[in-house]
Amino acid sequence: MTAPPPPSTGRELSSPPTDGISNLRFSNHSDHLLVSSWDKSVRLYDASANALRGEFMHGGPVLDCCFHDDSSGFSACADHTVRRLVFNYNREDVLGRHDAPVRCVEYSYGTGQVITGSWDKTLKCWDPRGASGQERSLVGTYTQPERVYSLSLVGNRLVVATAGRHVNVYDLRNMSQPEQRRESSLKYQTRCVRCYPNGTGYALSSFEGRVAMEFFDLSEAGQSKKYAFKCHRKSEAGRDIVYPVNAIAFHPIYGTFATGGCDGYVNVWDGNNKKSIPSTQQASQLCRLAEMVDYLAVASSYTYEEGDKDHEPDAIFVRSVNEVEVKPKPKALPNPAT
């Protein structure tokens, strides 16, 4: 799939983090934006008002964050802790710990559990209602084949992507063993996995400028739908330069999705029709994405692929999303006269 040229970057948020932005997420209920960073902070913004609503500092770089409700969330920290953050009351508590940096955190609204993945090669589930002590809040620990790099939830399905190109698919109602054990169809290290909003599969991106579109249905018909495509590449002096695809964000209604790469571009794709949508955005550098119905948030951070050098400061851009930019175009019907 080929990407079109870029329009504007959108409005830049004030008071951004001062080091690499590890993730950003919109609330399901408002324009609130939760942002985690290597500067050891988690910040809550009102994106539409361009206002910082709160900030919590941690004991190490924060590698991920997610919402609990509109004014509280959870963080995954390199100091091995999982924390609950309540911005309305400026209160935090430690939900539990891993034996290595915590890379990912998700909250399941269906089960009421927090799910974390760590570089200690485990997945843990926590009940935040019992957070007066780790023993009372820890629901279960599940060994993974390698370090956990990315998690994604849709309904009761949890997809876990680890080092070594392993992918485990769980049913949250029975975590005793994976529902499916897979290997990434891409040749190189996984950067991001995100489930389709309709629950039929997931998109997985890698270090090599590719995205794989996968499906949970293991039947021959189901697996015949999967494919992979190249993106975030450019030709320079007769050779291809390939960039990691760091982020994937799906539109919750239309199922189209955006990818963000280390080339500093955001591309929007219609996965069902295997086409790009003319909605590309450019930043000076790129790390993470968050998408909701009306807005796309882009975190611009240098990710040190080219070593320690001077670079643009970290920034967050929020732009309005028009329907034409994210709505898939209907497939053309065949002409009966031909």
C-alpha atoms as a PDB file:
ATOM      1  CA  MET A   1       0.000   0.000   0.000  1.00  0.00           C
ATOM      2  CA  THR A   2       1.329   3.441  -0.930  1.00  0.00           C
ATOM      3  CA  ALA A   3       0.865   6.521   1.256  1.00  0.00           C
ATOM      4  CA  PRO A   4      -0.087  10.016   0.043  1.00  0.00           C
ATOM      5  CA  PRO A   5       1.576  13.366   0.943  1.00  0.00           C
ATOM      6  CA  PRO A   6       0.956  15.049   4.325  1.00  0.00           C
ATOM      7  CA  PRO A   7      -1.347  17.874   5.439  1.00  0.00           C
ATOM      8  CA  SER A   8      -1.068  19.782   8.772  1.00  0.00           C
ATOM      9  CA  THR A   9       0.262  18.424  12.060  1.00  0.00           C
ATOM     10  CA  GLY A  10      -2.556  19.887  14.185  1.00  0.00           C
ATOM     11  CA  ARG A  11      -2.478  21.855  17.447  1.00  0.00           C
ATOM     12  CA  GLU A  12       0.504  21.358  19.768  1.00  0.00           C
ATOM     13  CA  LEU A  13      -0.357  20.729  23.423  1.00  0.00           C
ATOM     14  CA  SER A  14       1.286  22.943  26.041  1.00  0.00           C
ATOM     15  CA  SER A  15       3.381  21.491  28.911  1.00  0.00           C
ATOM     16  CA  PRO A  16       4.541  18.319  27.121  1.00  0.00           C
ATOM     17  CA  PRO A  17       6.817  15.711  28.748  1.00  0.00           C
ATOM     18  CA  THR A  18      10.534  16.494  28.685  1.00  0.00           C
ATOM     19  CA  ASP A  19      11.754  13.069  27.512  1.00  0.00           C
ATOM     20  CA  GLY A  20      10.558  10.313  25.179  1.00  0.00           C
ATOM     21  CA  ILE A  21       6.787   9.744  25.177  1.00  0.00           C
ATOM     22  CA  SER A  22       6.107   6.027  25.673  1.00  0.00           C
ATOM     23  CA  ASN A  23       2.333   6.051  25.120  1.00  0.00           C
ATOM     24  CA  LEU A  24      -0.780   8.228  24.992  1.00  0.00           C
ATOM     25  CA  ARG A  25      -4.455   7.256  25.204  1.00  0.00           C
ATOM     26  CA  PHE A  26      -7.798   8.997  24.936  1.00  0.00           C
ATOM     27  CA  SER A  27     -10.513   8.359  27.506  1.00  0.00           C
ATOM     28  CA  ASN A  28     -13.558   6.424  26.284  1.00  0.00           C
ATOM     29  CA  HIS A  29     -15.808   9.106  27.785  1.00  0.00           C
ATOM     30  CA  SER A  30     -14.225  12.507  27.040  1.00  0.00           C
ATOM     31  CA  ASP A  31     -11.384  14.373  25.338  1.00  0.00           C
ATOM     32  CA  HIS A  32      -9.040  13.582  28.235  1.00  0.00           C
ATOM     33  CA  LEU A  33      -5.639  12.311  27.116  1.00  0.00           C
ATOM     34  CA  LEU A  34      -3.343  10.213  29.345  1.00  0.00           C
ATOM     35  CA  VAL A  35       0.390  10.364  28.529  1.00  0.00           C
ATOM     36  CA  SER A  36       3.331   8.360  29.917  1.00  0.00           C
ATOM     37  CA  SER A  37       6.969   9.289  29.448  1.00  0.00           C
ATOM     38  CA  TRP A  38      10.596   8.419  30.050  1.00  0.00           C
ATOM     39  CA  ASP A  39      10.786  11.620  32.142  1.00  0.00           C
ATOM     40  CA  LYS A  40       9.144   9.476  34.899  1.00  0.00           C
ATOM     41  CA  SER A  41       5.755  11.199  34.577  1.00  0.00           C
ATOM     42  CA  VAL A  42       2.160  10.352  33.736  1.00  0.00           C
ATOM     43  CA  ARG A  43       0.170  13.411  32.698  1.00  0.00           C
ATOM     44  CA  LEU A  44      -3.550  13.971  32.192  1.00  0.00           C
ATOM     45  CA  TYR A  45      -4.570  16.560  29.584  1.00  0.00           C
ATOM     46  CA  ASP A  46      -7.867  18.015  28.507  1.00  0.00           C
ATOM     47  CA  ALA A  47      -7.057  17.821  24.793  1.00  0.00           C
ATOM     48  CA  SER A  48      -9.863  20.064  23.561  1.00  0.00           C
ATOM     49  CA  ALA A  49      -9.019  22.808  26.100  1.00  0.00           C
ATOM     50  CA  ASN A  50      -5.241  22.333  25.682  1.00  0.00           C
ATOM     51  CA  ALA A  51      -4.833  22.146  29.468  1.00  0.00           C
ATOM     52  CA  LEU A  52      -2.727  19.964  31.766  1.00  0.00           C
ATOM     53  CA  ARG A  53      -5.106  18.602  34.437  1.00  0.00           C
ATOM     54  CA  GLY A  54      -2.638  16.644  36.583  1.00  0.00           C
ATOM     55  CA  GLU A  55       0.715  14.891  36.823  1.00  0.00           C
ATOM     56  CA  PHE A  56       2.249  12.049  38.839  1.00  0.00           C
ATOM     57  CA  MET A  57       5.989  11.388  39.103  1.00  0.00           C
ATOM     58  CA  HIS A  58       7.419   7.859  39.386  1.00  0.00           C
ATOM     59  CA  GLY A  59      10.666   6.245  40.497  1.00  0.00           C
ATOM     60  CA  GLY A  60      11.741   5.481  36.939  1.00  0.00           C
ATOM     61  CA  PRO A  61      10.710   5.871  33.297  1.00  0.00           C
ATOM     62  CA  VAL A  62       7.027   5.106  32.719  1.00  0.00           C
ATOM     63  CA  LEU A  63       6.663   2.689  29.801  1.00  0.00           C
ATOM     64  CA  ASP A  64       2.860   2.581  29.457  1.00  0.00           C
ATOM     65  CA  CYS A  65      -0.416   3.905  30.859  1.00  0.00           C
ATOM     66  CA  CYS A  66      -4.150   3.317  30.490  1.00  0.00           C
ATOM     67  CA  PHE A  67      -7.406   4.788  31.777  1.00  0.00           C
ATOM     68  CA  HIS A  68      -9.562   3.303  34.529  1.00  0.00           C
ATOM     69  CA  ASP A  69     -12.224   5.995  34.332  1.00  0.00           C
ATOM     70  CA  ASP A  70     -12.233   9.590  33.131  1.00  0.00           C
ATOM     71  CA  SER A  71     -10.030  10.895  35.961  1.00  0.00           C
ATOM     72  CA  SER A  72      -7.963   7.878  37.007  1.00  0.00           C
ATOM     73  CA  GLY A  73      -5.670   5.334  35.391  1.00  0.00           C
ATOM     74  CA  PHE A  74      -2.852   2.845  35.763  1.00  0.00           C
ATOM     75  CA  SER A  75       0.850   3.028  34.964  1.00  0.00           C
ATOM     76  CA  ALA A  76       3.573   0.523  34.039  1.00  0.00           C
ATOM     77  CA  CYS A  77       6.984   1.633  35.284  1.00  0.00           C
ATOM     78  CA  ALA A  78      10.604   0.670  34.747  1.00  0.00           C
ATOM     79  CA  ASP A  79      11.011   0.593  38.564  1.00  0.00           C
ATOM     80  CA  HIS A  80       9.005  -2.698  38.392  1.00  0.00           C
ATOM     81  CA  THR A  81       5.805  -1.189  39.868  1.00  0.00           C
ATOM     82  CA  VAL A  82       2.203  -1.089  38.689  1.00  0.00           C
ATOM     83  CA  ARG A  83       0.428   1.986  40.056  1.00  0.00           C
ATOM     84  CA  ARG A  84      -3.100   3.339  40.250  1.00  0.00           C
ATOM     85  CA  LEU A  85      -3.322   7.107  39.752  1.00  0.00           C
ATOM     86  CA  VAL A  86      -6.377   9.124  40.871  1.00  0.00           C
ATOM     87  CA  PHE A  87      -6.036  12.632  39.458  1.00  0.00           C
ATOM     88  CA  ASN A  88      -9.137  14.145  41.090  1.00  0.00           C
ATOM     89  CA  TYR A  89      -7.721  13.510  44.574  1.00  0.00           C
ATOM     90  CA  ASN A  90      -3.988  13.584  43.721  1.00  0.00           C
ATOM     91  CA  ARG A  91      -3.717  10.073  45.162  1.00  0.00           C
ATOM     92  CA  GLU A  92      -1.642   7.105  44.022  1.00  0.00           C
ATOM     93  CA  ASP A  93      -0.995   3.603  45.318  1.00  0.00           C
ATOM     94  CA  VAL A  94       1.105   0.647  44.251  1.00  0.00           C
ATOM     95  CA  LEU A  95      -1.099  -2.116  42.887  1.00  0.00           C
ATOM     96  CA  GLY A  96       1.797  -4.583  42.694  1.00  0.00           C
ATOM     97  CA  ARG A  97       5.228  -5.398  41.302  1.00  0.00           C
ATOM     98  CA  HIS A  98       7.050  -7.431  38.686  1.00  0.00           C
ATOM     99  CA  ASP A  99      10.653  -8.683  38.843  1.00  0.00           C
ATOM    100  CA  ALA A 100      11.747  -6.466  35.936  1.00  0.00           C
ATOM    101  CA  PRO A 101      10.505  -3.281  34.191  1.00  0.00           C
ATOM    102  CA  VAL A 102       6.769  -3.343  33.430  1.00  0.00           C
ATOM    103  CA  ARG A 103       6.343  -2.727  29.704  1.00  0.00           C
ATOM    104  CA  CYS A 104       2.544  -2.788  29.159  1.00  0.00           C
ATOM    105  CA  VAL A 105      -0.705  -2.195  31.032  1.00  0.00           C
ATOM    106  CA  GLU A 106      -4.348  -2.665  29.990  1.00  0.00           C
ATOM    107  CA  TYR A 107      -7.639  -2.397  31.881  1.00  0.00           C
ATOM    108  CA  SER A 108     -10.494  -4.795  31.081  1.00  0.00           C
ATOM    109  CA  TYR A 109     -13.878  -3.161  31.598  1.00  0.00           C
ATOM    110  CA  GLY A 110     -15.486  -6.591  31.164  1.00  0.00           C
ATOM    111  CA  THR A 111     -13.650  -8.357  34.004  1.00  0.00           C
ATOM    112  CA  GLY A 112     -12.640  -5.318  36.070  1.00  0.00           C
ATOM    113  CA  GLN A 113      -9.012  -6.463  36.017  1.00  0.00           C
ATOM    114  CA  VAL A 114      -5.722  -4.744  35.252  1.00  0.00           C
ATOM    115  CA  ILE A 115      -3.393  -6.762  32.999  1.00  0.00           C
ATOM    116  CA  THR A 116       0.342  -6.060  32.929  1.00  0.00           C
ATOM    117  CA  GLY A 117       3.198  -7.481  30.849  1.00  0.00           C
ATOM    118  CA  SER A 118       6.837  -7.272  31.869  1.00  0.00           C
ATOM    119  CA  TRP A 119      10.375  -7.916  30.724  1.00  0.00           C
ATOM    120  CA  ASP A 120      10.441 -10.569  33.492  1.00  0.00           C
ATOM    121  CA  LYS A 121       8.612 -12.788  30.933  1.00  0.00           C
ATOM    122  CA  THR A 122       5.327 -12.826  32.837  1.00  0.00           C
ATOM    123  CA  LEU A 123       1.798 -11.546  32.436  1.00  0.00           C
ATOM    124  CA  LYS A 124      -0.044 -10.592  35.628  1.00  0.00           C
ATOM    125  CA  CYS A 125      -3.710  -9.865  36.326  1.00  0.00           C
ATOM    126  CA  TRP A 126      -4.703  -7.598  39.223  1.00  0.00           C
ATOM    127  CA  ASP A 127      -7.995  -6.720  40.932  1.00  0.00           C
ATOM    128  CA  PRO A 128      -7.731  -2.988  41.731  1.00  0.00           C
ATOM    129  CA  ARG A 129     -10.578  -3.284  44.248  1.00  0.00           C
ATOM    130  CA  GLY A 130      -8.245  -5.254  46.550  1.00  0.00           C
ATOM    131  CA  ALA A 131      -5.307  -2.898  46.277  1.00  0.00           C
ATOM    132  CA  SER A 132      -4.518  -2.665  50.014  1.00  0.00           C
ATOM    133  CA  GLY A 133      -1.733  -5.184  49.425  1.00  0.00           C
ATOM    134  CA  GLN A 134      -0.103  -7.050  46.537  1.00  0.00           C
ATOM    135  CA  GLU A 135      -1.232 -10.451  47.820  1.00  0.00           C
ATOM    136  CA  ARG A 136      -4.873  -9.374  47.878  1.00  0.00           C
ATOM    137  CA  SER A 137      -4.845  -7.614  44.495  1.00  0.00           C
ATOM    138  CA  LEU A 138      -2.877 -10.181  42.433  1.00  0.00           C
ATOM    139  CA  VAL A 139      -5.271 -12.515  40.619  1.00  0.00           C
ATOM    140  CA  GLY A 140      -2.778 -14.589  38.638  1.00  0.00           C
ATOM    141  CA  THR A 141       0.704 -14.820  37.095  1.00  0.00           C
ATOM    142  CA  TYR A 142       1.175 -16.359  33.638  1.00  0.00           C
ATOM    143  CA  THR A 143       4.608 -17.228  32.259  1.00  0.00           C
ATOM    144  CA  GLN A 144       5.367 -16.032  28.731  1.00  0.00           C
ATOM    145  CA  PRO A 145       7.943 -17.437  26.277  1.00  0.00           C
ATOM    146  CA  GLU A 146       9.903 -14.175  26.255  1.00  0.00           C
ATOM    147  CA  ARG A 147       9.845 -10.515  27.380  1.00  0.00           C
ATOM    148  CA  VAL A 148       6.453  -8.867  26.804  1.00  0.00           C
ATOM    149  CA  TYR A 149       6.600  -6.016  24.266  1.00  0.00           C
ATOM    150  CA  SER A 150       2.943  -5.194  23.544  1.00  0.00           C
ATOM    151  CA  LEU A 151      -0.601  -6.039  24.726  1.00  0.00           C
ATOM    152  CA  SER A 152      -4.036  -5.413  23.236  1.00  0.00           C
ATOM    153  CA  LEU A 153      -7.580  -6.160  24.414  1.00  0.00           C
ATOM    154  CA  VAL A 154     -10.871  -6.551  22.581  1.00  0.00           C
ATOM    155  CA  GLY A 155     -13.851  -7.933  24.490  1.00  0.00           C
ATOM    156  CA  ASN A 156     -12.603 -10.986  26.390  1.00  0.00           C
ATOM    157  CA  ARG A 157      -9.649 -11.554  24.048  1.00  0.00           C
ATOM    158  CA  LEU A 158      -6.140 -10.528  25.030  1.00  0.00           C
ATOM    159  CA  VAL A 159      -3.241 -10.576  22.539  1.00  0.00           C
ATOM    160  CA  VAL A 160       0.298 -10.722  23.969  1.00  0.00           C
ATOM    161  CA  ALA A 161       3.289 -10.008  21.704  1.00  0.00           C
ATOM    162  CA  THR A 162       6.740 -10.864  23.067  1.00  0.00           C
ATOM    163  CA  ALA A 163      10.383 -10.906  22.050  1.00  0.00           C
ATOM    164  CA  GLY A 164      11.293 -13.786  19.776  1.00  0.00           C
ATOM    165  CA  ARG A 165       8.240 -12.984  17.592  1.00  0.00           C
ATOM    166  CA  HIS A 166       5.880 -14.988  19.834  1.00  0.00           C
ATOM    167  CA  VAL A 167       2.162 -14.097  19.961  1.00  0.00           C
ATOM    168  CA  ASN A 168      -0.187 -15.599  22.562  1.00  0.00           C
ATOM    169  CA  VAL A 169      -3.966 -15.133  22.431  1.00  0.00           C
ATOM    170  CA  TYR A 170      -5.898 -15.536  25.701  1.00  0.00           C
ATOM    171  CA  ASP A 171      -9.541 -15.649  26.749  1.00  0.00           C
ATOM    172  CA  LEU A 172      -9.725 -13.517  29.921  1.00  0.00           C
ATOM    173  CA  ARG A 173     -12.392 -15.839  31.299  1.00  0.00           C
ATOM    174  CA  ASN A 174      -9.899 -18.743  31.310  1.00  0.00           C
ATOM    175  CA  MET A 175      -6.283 -17.639  31.643  1.00  0.00           C
ATOM    176  CA  SER A 176      -4.903 -21.089  32.525  1.00  0.00           C
ATOM    177  CA  GLN A 177      -3.340 -21.386  29.078  1.00  0.00           C
ATOM    178  CA  PRO A 178      -3.355 -19.461  25.795  1.00  0.00           C
ATOM    179  CA  GLU A 179      -6.283 -20.011  23.480  1.00  0.00           C
ATOM    180  CA  GLN A 180      -3.804 -19.765  20.579  1.00  0.00           C
ATOM    181  CA  ARG A 181       0.009 -19.833  20.418  1.00  0.00           C
ATOM    182  CA  ARG A 182       1.332 -18.144  17.300  1.00  0.00           C
ATOM    183  CA  GLU A 183       4.475 -16.827  15.705  1.00  0.00           C
ATOM    184  CA  SER A 184       4.543 -13.435  14.026  1.00  0.00           C
ATOM    185  CA  SER A 185       4.320 -13.693  10.253  1.00  0.00           C
ATOM    186  CA  LEU A 186       6.846 -10.827  10.063  1.00  0.00           C
ATOM    187  CA  LYS A 187      10.562 -11.635  10.100  1.00  0.00           C
ATOM    188  CA  TYR A 188      11.743  -9.041  12.608  1.00  0.00           C
ATOM    189  CA  GLN A 189      11.060  -7.795  16.129  1.00  0.00           C
ATOM    190  CA  THR A 190       7.482  -6.826  17.013  1.00  0.00           C
ATOM    191  CA  ARG A 191       6.898  -3.178  17.925  1.00  0.00           C
ATOM    192  CA  CYS A 192       3.118  -2.975  18.421  1.00  0.00           C
ATOM    193  CA  VAL A 193      -0.023  -5.132  18.400  1.00  0.00           C
ATOM    194  CA  ARG A 194      -3.588  -3.745  18.300  1.00  0.00           C
ATOM    195  CA  CYS A 195      -6.878  -5.667  18.050  1.00  0.00           C
ATOM    196  CA  TYR A 196      -9.500  -4.824  15.442  1.00  0.00           C
ATOM    197  CA  PRO A 197     -12.485  -2.994  17.018  1.00  0.00           C
ATOM    198  CA  ASN A 198     -14.847  -5.677  15.608  1.00  0.00           C
ATOM    199  CA  GLY A 199     -12.959  -8.406  17.511  1.00  0.00           C
ATOM    200  CA  THR A 200     -12.052 -10.563  14.501  1.00  0.00           C
ATOM    201  CA  GLY A 201      -8.261 -10.220  14.660  1.00  0.00           C
ATOM    202  CA  TYR A 202      -5.293  -7.932  15.197  1.00  0.00           C
ATOM    203  CA  ALA A 203      -2.695  -5.822  13.409  1.00  0.00           C
ATOM    204  CA  LEU A 204       0.972  -6.318  14.276  1.00  0.00           C
ATOM    205  CA  SER A 205       3.821  -4.003  13.304  1.00  0.00           C
ATOM    206  CA  SER A 206       7.555  -4.609  13.273  1.00  0.00           C
ATOM    207  CA  PHE A 207      10.999  -3.084  13.178  1.00  0.00           C
ATOM    208  CA  GLU A 208      11.255  -3.626   9.419  1.00  0.00           C
ATOM    209  CA  GLY A 209       8.562  -1.225   8.129  1.00  0.00           C
ATOM    210  CA  ARG A 210       5.762  -3.779   7.767  1.00  0.00           C
ATOM    211  CA  VAL A 211       2.314  -4.430   9.214  1.00  0.00           C
ATOM    212  CA  ALA A 212       0.627  -7.850   9.342  1.00  0.00           C
ATOM    213  CA  MET A 213      -3.164  -8.146   9.359  1.00  0.00           C
ATOM    214  CA  GLU A 214      -4.105 -11.315  11.273  1.00  0.00           C
ATOM    215  CA  PHE A 215      -7.389 -13.098  12.089  1.00  0.00           C
ATOM    216  CA  PHE A 216      -8.426 -15.203  15.097  1.00  0.00           C
ATOM    217  CA  ASP A 217     -10.472 -17.642  12.986  1.00  0.00           C
ATOM    218  CA  LEU A 218      -8.129 -20.597  12.379  1.00  0.00           C
ATOM    219  CA  SER A 219     -10.216 -22.128   9.587  1.00  0.00           C
ATOM    220  CA  GLU A 220      -8.785 -22.158   6.078  1.00  0.00           C
ATOM    221  CA  ALA A 221     -11.291 -19.487   5.044  1.00  0.00           C
ATOM    222  CA  GLY A 222     -10.388 -17.314   8.038  1.00  0.00           C
ATOM    223  CA  GLN A 223      -6.641 -17.576   7.504  1.00  0.00           C
ATOM    224  CA  SER A 224      -6.983 -16.847   3.785  1.00  0.00           C
ATOM    225  CA  LYS A 225      -7.887 -13.244   4.710  1.00  0.00           C
ATOM    226  CA  LYS A 226      -4.564 -12.429   6.387  1.00  0.00           C
ATOM    227  CA  TYR A 227      -1.899 -10.393   4.615  1.00  0.00           C
ATOM    228  CA  ALA A 228       1.039  -8.055   5.282  1.00  0.00           C
ATOM    229  CA  PHE A 229       2.119  -4.814   3.658  1.00  0.00           C
ATOM    230  CA  LYS A 230       5.140  -2.517   3.539  1.00  0.00           C
ATOM    231  CA  CYS A 231       4.989   1.049   4.875  1.00  0.00           C
ATOM    232  CA  HIS A 232       7.138   3.842   6.357  1.00  0.00           C
ATOM    233  CA  ARG A 233       9.899   3.516   3.770  1.00  0.00           C
ATOM    234  CA  LYS A 234      11.620   5.841   1.346  1.00  0.00           C
ATOM    235  CA  SER A 235      14.159   5.622  -1.486  1.00  0.00           C
ATOM    236  CA  GLU A 236      17.336   7.670  -1.157  1.00  0.00           C
ATOM    237  CA  ALA A 237      20.336   7.544  -3.480  1.00  0.00           C
ATOM    238  CA  GLY A 238      19.050   4.392  -5.096  1.00  0.00           C
ATOM    239  CA  ARG A 239      18.480   2.404  -1.912  1.00  0.00           C
ATOM    240  CA  ASP A 240      15.484   1.764   0.321  1.00  0.00           C
ATOM    241  CA  ILE A 241      15.502   3.171   3.853  1.00  0.00           C
ATOM    242  CA  VAL A 242      13.193   1.203   6.137  1.00  0.00           C
ATOM    243  CA  TYR A 243      11.778   2.629   9.396  1.00  0.00           C
ATOM    244  CA  PRO A 244      10.255   0.858  12.429  1.00  0.00           C
ATOM    245  CA  VAL A 245       6.461   1.066  12.731  1.00  0.00           C
ATOM    246  CA  ASN A 246       6.065   2.093  16.373  1.00  0.00           C
ATOM    247  CA  ALA A 247       2.333   2.601  16.699  1.00  0.00           C
ATOM    248  CA  ILE A 248      -1.076   1.462  15.427  1.00  0.00           C
ATOM    249  CA  ALA A 249      -4.375   3.157  16.357  1.00  0.00           C
ATOM    250  CA  PHE A 250      -7.808   2.027  15.125  1.00  0.00           C
ATOM    251  CA  HIS A 251     -10.814   4.263  14.564  1.00  0.00           C
ATOM    252  CA  PRO A 252     -13.430   2.847  16.975  1.00  0.00           C
ATOM    253  CA  ILE A 253     -16.347   3.140  14.526  1.00  0.00           C
ATOM    254  CA  TYR A 254     -14.988   2.627  11.021  1.00  0.00           C
ATOM    255  CA  GLY A 255     -12.172   0.183  11.798  1.00  0.00           C
ATOM    256  CA  THR A 256      -9.692   2.068   9.620  1.00  0.00           C
ATOM    257  CA  PHE A 257      -6.346   2.588  11.307  1.00  0.00           C
ATOM    258  CA  ALA A 258      -3.328   4.866  11.524  1.00  0.00           C
ATOM    259  CA  THR A 259       0.307   3.806  11.699  1.00  0.00           C
ATOM    260  CA  GLY A 260       3.176   5.897  13.038  1.00  0.00           C
ATOM    261  CA  GLY A 261       6.790   5.303  12.072  1.00  0.00           C
ATOM    262  CA  CYS A 262      10.274   6.532  12.848  1.00  0.00           C
ATOM    263  CA  ASP A 263      10.200   8.341   9.500  1.00  0.00           C
ATOM    264  CA  GLY A 264       8.054  10.982  11.211  1.00  0.00           C
ATOM    265  CA  TYR A 265       4.888  10.162   9.246  1.00  0.00           C
ATOM    266  CA  VAL A 266       1.397   9.049  10.238  1.00  0.00           C
ATOM    267  CA  ASN A 267      -0.432   7.095   7.529  1.00  0.00           C
ATOM    268  CA  VAL A 268      -4.108   6.080   7.551  1.00  0.00           C
ATOM    269  CA  TRP A 269      -5.218   2.778   6.035  1.00  0.00           C
ATOM    270  CA  ASP A 270      -8.386   0.998   4.995  1.00  0.00           C
ATOM    271  CA  GLY A 271      -7.447  -2.565   5.922  1.00  0.00           C
ATOM    272  CA  ASN A 272     -10.524  -4.233   4.455  1.00  0.00           C
ATOM    273  CA  ASN A 273      -9.934  -2.729   1.022  1.00  0.00           C
ATOM    274  CA  LYS A 274      -6.113  -2.847   1.334  1.00  0.00           C
ATOM    275  CA  LYS A 275      -5.796   0.849   0.473  1.00  0.00           C
ATOM    276  CA  SER A 276      -4.344   4.011   1.970  1.00  0.00           C
ATOM    277  CA  ILE A 277      -6.650   6.916   2.842  1.00  0.00           C
ATOM    278  CA  PRO A 278      -5.383  10.463   2.008  1.00  0.00           C
ATOM    279  CA  SER A 279      -4.936  11.591   5.616  1.00  0.00           C
ATOM    280  CA  THR A 280      -1.188  11.478   6.179  1.00  0.00           C
ATOM    281  CA  GLN A 281       0.384  13.736   8.807  1.00  0.00           C
ATOM    282  CA  GLN A 282       4.026  14.606   9.381  1.00  0.00           C
ATOM    283  CA  ALA A 283       5.940  15.348  12.581  1.00  0.00           C
ATOM    284  CA  SER A 284       9.665  15.925  12.973  1.00  0.00           C
ATOM    285  CA  GLN A 285      10.036  12.528  14.660  1.00  0.00           C
ATOM    286  CA  LEU A 286       7.535   9.954  15.801  1.00  0.00           C
ATOM    287  CA  CYS A 287       6.798   7.643  18.654  1.00  0.00           C
ATOM    288  CA  ARG A 288       3.112   6.951  19.552  1.00  0.00           C
ATOM    289  CA  LEU A 289      -0.520   7.470  18.451  1.00  0.00           C
ATOM    290  CA  ALA A 290      -3.960   7.701  20.038  1.00  0.00           C
ATOM    291  CA  GLU A 291      -7.204   7.893  18.066  1.00  0.00           C
ATOM    292  CA  MET A 292     -10.804   8.514  19.064  1.00  0.00           C
ATOM    293  CA  VAL A 293     -13.886   9.378  17.021  1.00  0.00           C
ATOM    294  CA  ASP A 294     -13.124  13.097  16.629  1.00  0.00           C
ATOM    295  CA  TYR A 295      -9.387  13.450  17.255  1.00  0.00           C
ATOM    296  CA  LEU A 296      -6.005  11.947  16.457  1.00  0.00           C
ATOM    297  CA  ALA A 297      -3.179  12.546  18.953  1.00  0.00           C
ATOM    298  CA  VAL A 298       0.431  12.144  17.808  1.00  0.00           C
ATOM    299  CA  ALA A 299       3.430  11.943  20.135  1.00  0.00           C
ATOM    300  CA  SER A 300       6.591  13.193  18.482  1.00  0.00           C
ATOM    301  CA  SER A 301       9.741  11.898  20.192  1.00  0.00           C
ATOM    302  CA  TYR A 302      13.222  10.959  19.082  1.00  0.00           C
ATOM    303  CA  THR A 303      13.644   7.190  19.539  1.00  0.00           C
ATOM    304  CA  TYR A 304      17.454   7.039  19.299  1.00  0.00           C
ATOM    305  CA  GLU A 305      17.666   4.771  16.248  1.00  0.00           C
ATOM    306  CA  GLU A 306      20.462   7.067  15.027  1.00  0.00           C
ATOM    307  CA  GLY A 307      22.253   7.301  18.380  1.00  0.00           C
ATOM    308  CA  ASP A 308      22.660  10.267  20.693  1.00  0.00           C
ATOM    309  CA  LYS A 309      22.347  13.464  18.638  1.00  0.00           C
ATOM    310  CA  ASP A 310      20.621  16.849  18.703  1.00  0.00           C
ATOM    311  CA  HIS A 311      16.896  16.496  18.041  1.00  0.00           C
ATOM    312  CA  GLU A 312      13.612  18.373  18.230  1.00  0.00           C
ATOM    313  CA  PRO A 313      11.982  18.578  21.698  1.00  0.00           C
ATOM    314  CA  ASP A 314       9.248  16.084  22.572  1.00  0.00           C
ATOM    315  CA  ALA A 315       5.790  17.257  21.559  1.00  0.00           C
ATOM    316  CA  ILE A 316       2.150  16.156  21.369  1.00  0.00           C
ATOM    317  CA  PHE A 317      -0.065  17.231  18.471  1.00  0.00           C
ATOM    318  CA  VAL A 318      -3.863  16.893  18.444  1.00  0.00           C
ATOM    319  CA  ARG A 319      -5.851  17.390  15.276  1.00  0.00           C
ATOM    320  CA  SER A 320      -9.521  17.062  14.409  1.00  0.00           C
ATOM    321  CA  VAL A 321     -10.390  14.088  12.236  1.00  0.00           C
ATOM    322  CA  ASN A 322     -12.826  14.586   9.376  1.00  0.00           C
ATOM    323  CA  GLU A 323     -15.055  11.681   8.365  1.00  0.00           C
ATOM    324  CA  VAL A 324     -13.603  11.664   4.853  1.00  0.00           C
ATOM    325  CA  GLU A 325     -10.160  10.990   6.355  1.00  0.00           C
ATOM    326  CA  VAL A 326     -11.189   7.828   8.211  1.00  0.00           C
ATOM    327  CA  LYS A 327     -14.317   6.437   6.557  1.00  0.00           C
ATOM    328  CA  PRO A 328     -13.575   3.539   4.183  1.00  0.00           C
ATOM    329  CA  LYS A 329     -14.781   3.961   0.648  1.00  0.00           C
ATOM    330  CA  PRO A 330     -17.312   1.338  -0.514  1.00  0.00           C
ATOM    331  CA  LYS A 331     -16.016  -1.251  -2.906  1.00  0.00           C
ATOM    332  CA  ALA A 332     -16.998  -0.572  -6.508  1.00  0.00           C
ATOM    333  CA  LEU A 333     -19.640  -2.969  -7.798  1.00  0.00           C
ATOM    334  CA  PRO A 334     -18.898  -4.762 -11.059  1.00  0.00           C
ATOM    335  CA  ASN A 335     -20.529  -3.323 -14.153  1.00  0.00           C
ATOM    336  CA  PRO A 336     -23.166  -5.888 -15.291  1.00  0.00           C
ATOM    337  CA  ALA A 337     -22.726  -4.733 -18.881  1.00  0.00           C
ATOM    338  CA  THR A 338     -19.094  -5.913 -18.977  1.00  0.00           C
END
